[in-house]
Amino acid sequence: MQATGIIAEYNPFHNGHLYHIQETKRLTQQPVIVVMSGSFMQRGEPAILSKWQRAAFAVQGGADLVLELGCAFTLRSAEFFARGAVELLAATGCVNTLACGTEHPQSDFVAAARLACSAEAQARLRELLQSGSSYAQAWEKILGAHTAFRSPNDILALEYSKALLQTAASIKPLYLQRTDEGYNSTAISSNIASASAIRQALALGNGSWQQATPAYTHAALTRGGYDAQLLWQLLKYRLRLLTPPQLAERCEASEGLENLLSRAADCASLQSALAACISKRYTASRIRRLLLQILLDQSKAVWQQQEPAYLRLLAFNDTGRQLLHQMKTSTSLPLITKLGQNALNNDNAAYQTHLALEIAATDTWSLLQHDTALNRSGNDFYQSPIYVRSQS
């Protein structure tokens, strides 16, 4: 059995995601395996719902199997986020296509990826970054002749294409048109809207988000959310506790950025801290990712590990069960279906490090929850993968 892969965050799962899955299955006539961010998003934010709940919604929407992309990849730049996810899909041994949602699917992403992987482009990238350009701005200057790489999903599609060329040549890309008003749009004018717009409407108590999400997600989204003030108190505690050199040892800060982060400890809110740190070069997403890396209190070396060490199941249906059975012999990585007390008893150091980091991330995410059923330690051990019965 061959499958098509999708890389997503589903924060939250909405009608645009539903369309993406359904259109992918229509075009490929294959089951869909999703690699989905776990407790923390690539924007540097906690998920508004648990990873199991979001994965179950994706399966209800047509995905057949959902695997976790841990924060060792989600709390890093688009390059490492994409590469980790692509390598997870390749490790299943049964994915031959990657369906990417993008604003400009007609662009020649493969040609752009080949250029981006060249030594000349990499040297130019370093030069532009050192001169103060952001990552997105640098790629736009380098690849402007190929396509307008201004939007987040075009950038991700480029990173997916690069990762496929470098590590998973047997997986072919499929570029699909995004149907919402843009990744960062906050407008909800129809039944299709961005996750950013839906999160903002939820935060403001504006019920317009309901038209843009499947009905089966509404009850959970009404109850969902995390304590943003507590998150800032935890972040501020870490910033005040550690010296700038200690901060630099715990995150991917470079070129003195740890000094800027240290000064942010006196800010009254996360928003004011971001305002004090962001610049043309340092985006809000990068600063938020660094803050969460610091909060999770790992060494910089942990964040610089580049390859996944296991596959972690979050949700599945009957077709997903068949894929799991096949993956027992096709996968090149250990497959975790349920964590037991001996979960860390593996001789592979990367396996131990990544899994321990993910358990810490889940416990930190749980600490931020208002729901007492979620606000406990050890959710990674208590929660089993969610089986969603296939519709007849």
Protein backbone atom coordinates (compact mmCIF):
# COMPACT_ATOMS: atom_id res chain seq x y z
CA MET A 1 0.00 0.00 0.00
CA GLN A 2 1.34 3.41 -1.01
CA ALA A 3 0.30 6.64 0.71
CA THR A 4 0.47 10.40 0.26
CA GLY A 5 1.99 12.52 2.99
CA ILE A 6 0.81 15.87 4.35
CA ILE A 7 2.78 18.06 6.76
CA ALA A 8 0.58 20.21 8.99
CA GLU A 9 -0.04 21.81 12.37
CA TYR A 10 -3.86 21.97 12.45
CA ASN A 11 -3.91 24.76 15.02
CA PRO A 12 -6.85 24.42 14.75
CA PHE A 13 -8.14 22.00 12.11
CA HIS A 14 -10.36 24.03 9.78
CA ASN A 15 -12.27 23.81 6.50
CA GLY A 16 -9.19 24.69 4.44
CA HIS A 17 -7.39 21.70 5.95
CA LEU A 18 -10.45 19.54 5.26
CA TYR A 19 -10.37 20.62 1.60
CA HIS A 20 -6.61 19.93 1.40
CA ILE A 21 -7.05 16.34 2.60
CA GLN A 22 -10.06 15.64 0.40
CA GLU A 23 -8.45 17.16 -2.70
CA THR A 24 -5.23 15.22 -2.03
CA LYS A 25 -7.15 11.94 -1.85
CA ARG A 26 -9.14 12.80 -4.98
CA LEU A 27 -6.00 13.51 -7.00
CA THR A 28 -3.82 10.66 -5.72
CA GLN A 29 -6.44 8.00 -4.95
CA GLN A 30 -4.24 7.02 -2.00
CA PRO A 31 -4.59 7.01 1.77
CA VAL A 32 -3.11 10.01 3.59
CA ILE A 33 -0.47 10.00 6.31
CA VAL A 34 -0.15 13.31 8.15
CA VAL A 35 2.95 14.41 10.04
CA MET A 36 1.62 16.98 12.53
CA SER A 37 3.27 19.29 15.05
CA GLY A 38 2.86 18.15 18.64
CA SER A 39 2.46 20.50 21.60
CA PHE A 40 4.29 23.56 20.23
CA MET A 41 3.93 25.23 16.85
CA GLN A 42 6.57 26.44 14.42
CA ARG A 43 5.37 30.00 15.10
CA GLY A 44 6.68 29.51 18.64
CA GLU A 45 3.28 29.11 20.32
CA PRO A 46 1.55 26.38 22.33
CA ALA A 47 -1.16 24.48 20.48
CA ILE A 48 -4.70 25.54 21.39
CA LEU A 49 -5.80 21.88 21.61
CA SER A 50 -3.90 18.73 22.54
CA LYS A 51 -2.00 16.90 19.84
CA TRP A 52 -4.30 13.89 20.21
CA GLN A 53 -7.45 15.97 19.80
CA ARG A 54 -6.10 17.75 16.73
CA ALA A 55 -4.95 14.46 15.23
CA ALA A 56 -8.36 12.88 15.82
CA PHE A 57 -10.07 15.81 14.07
CA ALA A 58 -7.74 15.32 11.10
CA VAL A 59 -8.72 11.66 10.86
CA GLN A 60 -12.39 12.61 11.08
CA GLY A 61 -11.64 14.94 8.16
CA GLY A 62 -10.23 12.18 5.98
CA ALA A 63 -6.64 11.54 7.06
CA ASP A 64 -5.89 7.88 7.73
CA LEU A 65 -2.89 8.08 10.04
CA VAL A 66 -1.37 10.97 12.01
CA LEU A 67 2.23 10.92 13.28
CA GLU A 68 3.79 13.47 15.62
CA LEU A 69 6.46 15.93 14.62
CA GLY A 70 8.22 16.71 17.89
CA CYS A 71 9.37 20.11 19.11
CA ALA A 72 12.97 19.22 18.26
CA PHE A 73 11.79 20.21 14.77
CA THR A 74 8.73 22.41 15.31
CA LEU A 75 10.66 24.89 17.47
CA ARG A 76 13.20 25.48 14.73
CA SER A 77 13.36 27.39 11.45
CA ALA A 78 11.33 26.39 8.40
CA GLU A 79 14.33 24.53 6.97
CA PHE A 80 14.61 22.11 9.90
CA PHE A 81 10.85 21.88 10.41
CA ALA A 82 10.46 20.77 6.79
CA ARG A 83 13.44 18.45 6.77
CA GLY A 84 12.40 16.65 9.96
CA ALA A 85 8.85 16.16 8.68
CA VAL A 86 9.98 14.92 5.26
CA GLU A 87 12.38 12.47 6.86
CA LEU A 88 9.58 11.13 9.07
CA LEU A 89 7.40 10.53 6.01
CA ALA A 90 10.29 8.83 4.20
CA ALA A 91 10.94 6.64 7.25
CA THR A 92 7.45 5.11 7.01
CA GLY A 93 8.56 3.26 3.89
CA CYS A 94 5.17 3.69 2.23
CA VAL A 95 4.87 7.36 1.24
CA ASN A 96 5.51 8.22 -2.43
CA THR A 97 3.91 11.69 -2.67
CA LEU A 98 3.95 14.85 -0.55
CA ALA A 99 0.95 17.18 -0.98
CA CYS A 100 1.89 20.80 -0.21
CA GLY A 101 -0.58 23.65 0.12
CA THR A 102 0.87 26.82 -1.37
CA GLU A 103 -0.23 30.26 -2.54
CA HIS A 104 1.46 29.85 -5.95
CA PRO A 105 1.33 26.17 -6.98
CA GLN A 106 2.20 27.09 -10.58
CA SER A 107 5.70 28.15 -9.51
CA ASP A 108 8.63 25.88 -10.34
CA PHE A 109 9.50 24.87 -6.79
CA VAL A 110 11.73 22.00 -7.92
CA ALA A 111 13.95 24.28 -10.01
CA ALA A 112 14.04 26.79 -7.18
CA ALA A 113 14.97 24.03 -4.73
CA ARG A 114 17.83 22.86 -6.95
CA LEU A 115 19.16 26.41 -7.06
CA ALA A 116 18.66 26.83 -3.31
CA CYS A 117 20.69 23.69 -2.60
CA SER A 118 23.66 24.97 -4.64
CA ALA A 119 26.83 26.12 -2.92
CA GLU A 120 26.46 29.56 -4.53
CA ALA A 121 22.96 30.07 -3.13
CA GLN A 122 24.00 28.91 0.33
CA ALA A 123 26.92 31.33 0.32
CA ARG A 124 24.62 34.16 -0.80
CA LEU A 125 22.13 33.21 1.93
CA ARG A 126 24.80 33.51 4.62
CA GLU A 127 25.89 36.86 3.19
CA LEU A 128 22.34 38.26 3.20
CA LEU A 129 21.62 37.01 6.72
CA GLN A 130 24.83 38.58 7.99
CA SER A 131 23.86 41.86 6.35
CA GLY A 132 20.57 41.95 8.27
CA SER A 133 18.01 40.30 5.97
CA SER A 134 15.48 37.92 7.48
CA TYR A 135 15.41 34.31 6.28
CA ALA A 136 12.34 34.94 4.09
CA GLN A 137 13.75 38.18 2.68
CA ALA A 138 17.03 36.48 1.82
CA TRP A 139 15.35 33.71 -0.14
CA GLU A 140 13.15 36.19 -1.96
CA LYS A 141 16.28 38.03 -3.16
CA ILE A 142 18.05 34.82 -4.15
CA LEU A 143 15.09 33.14 -5.88
CA GLY A 144 13.04 36.05 -7.10
CA ALA A 145 13.52 34.99 -10.72
CA HIS A 146 11.74 31.70 -10.02
CA THR A 147 8.80 32.77 -7.90
CA ALA A 148 7.75 35.38 -5.37
CA PHE A 149 8.75 33.63 -2.17
CA ARG A 150 7.04 36.09 0.12
CA SER A 151 4.31 34.00 1.75
CA PRO A 152 4.91 31.49 4.56
CA ASN A 153 3.46 28.52 2.69
CA ASP A 154 5.50 29.24 -0.45
CA ILE A 155 8.58 29.28 1.78
CA LEU A 156 7.56 25.99 3.36
CA ALA A 157 6.86 24.45 -0.05
CA LEU A 158 10.37 25.45 -1.09
CA GLU A 159 11.80 23.90 2.08
CA TYR A 160 9.81 20.70 1.48
CA SER A 161 11.14 20.59 -2.09
CA LYS A 162 14.71 21.05 -0.85
CA ALA A 163 14.27 18.29 1.73
CA LEU A 164 12.86 15.93 -0.89
CA LEU A 165 15.86 16.55 -3.16
CA GLN A 166 18.35 16.11 -0.34
CA THR A 167 16.90 13.22 1.70
CA ALA A 168 13.82 11.64 0.10
CA ALA A 169 14.12 11.64 -3.67
CA SER A 170 11.63 8.75 -3.94
CA ILE A 171 8.82 11.03 -2.68
CA LYS A 172 7.40 13.33 -5.36
CA PRO A 173 5.82 16.72 -4.57
CA LEU A 174 2.23 17.65 -5.38
CA TYR A 175 1.52 21.39 -5.09
CA LEU A 176 -2.06 22.40 -4.29
CA GLN A 177 -3.64 25.86 -4.26
CA ARG A 178 -4.43 27.20 -0.79
CA THR A 179 -8.03 28.34 -0.54
CA ASP A 180 -7.96 30.78 2.39
CA GLU A 181 -7.14 34.50 2.41
CA GLY A 182 -3.54 33.98 3.45
CA TYR A 183 -1.53 32.40 6.25
CA ASN A 184 -1.46 35.57 8.37
CA SER A 185 -4.87 36.95 7.35
CA THR A 186 -7.23 37.75 10.22
CA ALA A 187 -10.33 38.07 8.04
CA ILE A 188 -13.22 35.59 8.21
CA SER A 189 -15.60 36.38 5.39
CA SER A 190 -16.61 32.88 4.29
CA ASN A 191 -16.38 29.24 5.33
CA ILE A 192 -12.65 29.25 4.52
CA ALA A 193 -10.27 31.22 6.74
CA SER A 194 -6.71 30.97 8.02
CA ALA A 195 -5.83 29.37 11.34
CA SER A 196 -4.55 32.80 12.46
CA ALA A 197 -7.95 34.36 11.83
CA ILE A 198 -9.72 31.55 13.66
CA ARG A 199 -7.42 31.79 16.69
CA GLN A 200 -7.93 35.55 16.85
CA ALA A 201 -11.72 35.19 16.66
CA LEU A 202 -11.61 32.58 19.42
CA ALA A 203 -9.50 34.86 21.63
CA LEU A 204 -11.90 37.77 21.08
CA GLY A 205 -15.03 35.69 21.70
CA ASN A 206 -16.15 36.34 18.13
CA GLY A 207 -18.29 33.43 16.93
CA SER A 208 -17.38 33.97 13.28
CA TRP A 209 -14.77 31.20 13.58
CA GLN A 210 -17.51 28.56 13.61
CA GLN A 211 -18.30 29.00 9.91
CA ALA A 212 -14.67 28.23 9.04
CA THR A 213 -14.32 25.00 11.04
CA PRO A 214 -16.04 21.59 10.87
CA ALA A 215 -18.95 21.27 13.29
CA TYR A 216 -17.31 18.34 15.07
CA THR A 217 -14.50 20.65 16.29
CA HIS A 218 -16.73 23.33 17.82
CA ALA A 219 -17.22 21.95 21.33
CA ALA A 220 -13.49 21.35 21.84
CA LEU A 221 -12.52 24.75 20.43
CA THR A 222 -15.02 26.51 22.68
CA ARG A 223 -13.35 24.93 25.72
CA GLY A 224 -9.78 25.03 24.37
CA GLY A 225 -6.96 27.48 24.87
CA TYR A 226 -4.03 28.00 27.19
CA ASP A 227 -3.15 30.47 29.94
CA ALA A 228 -1.12 33.10 28.07
CA GLN A 229 -0.33 35.06 31.23
CA LEU A 230 1.06 31.96 32.93
CA LEU A 231 3.18 31.27 29.86
CA TRP A 232 4.74 34.72 30.11
CA GLN A 233 5.37 34.30 33.85
CA LEU A 234 7.20 31.03 33.18
CA LEU A 235 9.21 32.58 30.36
CA LYS A 236 10.08 35.62 32.46
CA TYR A 237 11.20 33.37 35.32
CA ARG A 238 13.63 31.57 33.02
CA LEU A 239 14.93 34.83 31.54
CA ARG A 240 15.57 36.30 34.99
CA LEU A 241 17.10 33.12 36.37
CA LEU A 242 19.72 32.69 33.64
CA THR A 243 22.61 34.91 32.58
CA PRO A 244 22.99 35.77 28.87
CA PRO A 245 25.71 33.11 28.39
CA GLN A 246 23.44 30.54 30.07
CA LEU A 247 20.58 31.58 27.78
CA ALA A 248 22.87 31.11 24.77
CA GLU A 249 23.65 27.58 25.97
CA ARG A 250 19.95 26.67 25.96
CA CYS A 251 18.71 27.97 22.62
CA GLU A 252 19.78 28.74 19.08
CA ALA A 253 20.54 32.39 19.82
CA SER A 254 23.46 33.82 17.88
CA GLU A 255 25.37 37.06 17.45
CA GLY A 256 24.48 38.39 20.88
CA LEU A 257 20.73 37.81 20.61
CA GLU A 258 20.88 36.27 24.10
CA ASN A 259 21.58 39.76 25.50
CA LEU A 260 18.43 41.10 23.87
CA LEU A 261 16.44 38.19 25.27
CA SER A 262 17.84 38.75 28.74
CA ARG A 263 16.74 42.39 28.73
CA ALA A 264 13.22 41.31 27.74
CA ALA A 265 12.82 39.81 31.23
CA ASP A 266 11.74 43.23 32.50
CA CYS A 267 8.86 43.52 30.05
CA ALA A 268 5.30 43.39 31.37
CA SER A 269 3.98 40.98 28.76
CA LEU A 270 5.05 38.64 26.00
CA GLN A 271 3.77 41.14 23.45
CA SER A 272 5.98 43.90 24.85
CA ALA A 273 8.94 41.50 25.01
CA LEU A 274 8.47 40.63 21.35
CA ALA A 275 8.20 44.31 20.45
CA ALA A 276 11.51 44.91 22.24
CA CYS A 277 13.28 42.08 20.40
CA ILE A 278 11.94 41.90 16.86
CA SER A 279 13.63 43.73 14.02
CA LYS A 280 14.09 43.45 10.28
CA ARG A 281 16.34 40.49 10.99
CA TYR A 282 14.70 38.86 14.02
CA THR A 283 11.06 37.93 13.38
CA ALA A 284 8.48 37.47 16.13
CA SER A 285 8.25 33.76 15.31
CA ARG A 286 11.99 33.30 15.75
CA ILE A 287 11.97 35.10 19.10
CA ARG A 288 9.02 33.04 20.33
CA ARG A 289 10.77 29.81 19.29
CA LEU A 290 13.92 30.82 21.16
CA LEU A 291 11.90 31.65 24.27
CA LEU A 292 10.23 28.25 24.23
CA GLN A 293 13.57 26.53 23.70
CA ILE A 294 14.81 28.34 26.81
CA LEU A 295 11.68 27.34 28.72
CA LEU A 296 12.23 23.66 27.93
CA ASP A 297 15.76 23.96 29.37
CA GLN A 298 17.78 21.76 27.03
CA SER A 299 21.31 22.28 25.77
CA LYS A 300 21.83 23.96 22.42
CA ALA A 301 23.14 20.65 21.07
CA VAL A 302 19.67 19.12 21.50
CA TRP A 303 18.17 21.75 19.21
CA GLN A 304 20.85 21.14 16.61
CA GLN A 305 20.11 17.44 16.11
CA GLN A 306 18.85 17.20 12.56
CA GLU A 307 17.32 13.74 12.14
CA PRO A 308 14.20 12.19 13.70
CA ALA A 309 14.77 9.11 15.83
CA TYR A 310 11.32 7.47 15.93
CA LEU A 311 7.76 7.54 14.58
CA ARG A 312 5.04 8.41 17.11
CA LEU A 313 1.41 7.52 16.44
CA LEU A 314 -1.32 9.99 17.48
CA ALA A 315 -4.50 8.89 15.66
CA PHE A 316 -5.65 6.45 12.98
CA ASN A 317 -8.64 4.78 11.31
CA ASP A 318 -9.14 1.35 9.75
CA THR A 319 -6.99 2.18 6.72
CA GLY A 320 -4.42 3.64 9.08
CA ARG A 321 -4.42 0.33 10.95
CA GLN A 322 -3.47 -1.42 7.71
CA LEU A 323 -0.71 1.10 7.13
CA LEU A 324 0.58 0.52 10.66
CA HIS A 325 0.70 -3.21 10.05
CA GLN A 326 2.69 -2.60 6.89
CA MET A 327 5.01 -0.11 8.60
CA LYS A 328 6.09 -2.73 11.13
CA THR A 329 8.27 -4.13 8.34
CA SER A 330 8.73 -1.09 6.06
CA THR A 331 9.76 1.61 8.54
CA SER A 332 13.39 2.52 9.10
CA LEU A 333 12.74 3.97 12.59
CA PRO A 334 11.22 2.60 15.81
CA LEU A 335 7.43 2.94 15.78
CA ILE A 336 5.88 4.11 19.06
CA THR A 337 2.18 3.37 19.44
CA LYS A 338 1.86 3.69 23.23
CA LEU A 339 4.36 4.91 25.78
CA GLY A 340 4.99 2.62 28.73
CA GLN A 341 7.18 3.01 31.78
CA ASN A 342 10.12 1.60 29.81
CA ALA A 343 9.68 4.06 26.94
CA LEU A 344 13.17 5.49 27.28
CA ASN A 345 14.86 2.09 27.44
CA ASN A 346 16.45 2.38 24.03
CA ASP A 347 20.18 2.36 23.37
CA ASN A 348 19.94 5.08 20.72
CA ALA A 349 20.97 8.40 22.27
CA ALA A 350 18.98 10.50 19.79
CA TYR A 351 15.87 8.43 20.54
CA GLN A 352 16.28 9.02 24.27
CA THR A 353 16.97 12.74 23.84
CA HIS A 354 14.09 13.46 21.45
CA LEU A 355 11.54 11.46 23.41
CA ALA A 356 12.56 13.00 26.75
CA LEU A 357 12.29 16.44 25.16
CA GLU A 358 8.81 15.66 23.83
CA ILE A 359 7.61 14.38 27.21
CA ALA A 360 8.89 17.61 28.79
CA ALA A 361 7.13 19.63 26.08
CA THR A 362 3.83 17.86 26.67
CA ASP A 363 4.11 18.36 30.43
CA THR A 364 4.87 22.06 29.92
CA TRP A 365 1.91 22.41 27.54
CA SER A 366 -0.31 20.61 30.06
CA LEU A 367 0.73 23.02 32.81
CA LEU A 368 -0.73 25.88 30.76
CA GLN A 369 -4.20 24.31 30.41
CA HIS A 370 -7.33 25.44 32.25
CA ASP A 371 -8.94 22.02 31.81
CA THR A 372 -8.11 19.91 34.90
CA ALA A 373 -8.23 16.74 32.80
CA LEU A 374 -5.30 18.08 30.79
CA ASN A 375 -3.48 20.01 33.53
CA ARG A 376 -1.46 17.09 34.82
CA SER A 377 1.96 15.63 34.23
CA GLY A 378 2.45 12.41 32.31
CA ASN A 379 -0.18 12.90 29.60
CA ASP A 380 2.18 11.23 27.13
CA PHE A 381 1.87 8.07 29.20
CA TYR A 382 -1.84 8.28 30.00
CA GLN A 383 -3.11 9.06 26.52
CA SER A 384 -3.32 6.30 23.92
CA PRO A 385 -3.46 6.97 20.17
CA ILE A 386 -7.03 7.75 19.17
CA TYR A 387 -8.82 5.28 16.93
CA VAL A 388 -11.48 6.88 14.74
CA ARG A 389 -13.90 4.37 13.30
CA SER A 390 -14.04 4.63 9.52
CA GLN A 391 -17.35 5.77 8.04
CA SER A 392 -19.11 3.08 6.05
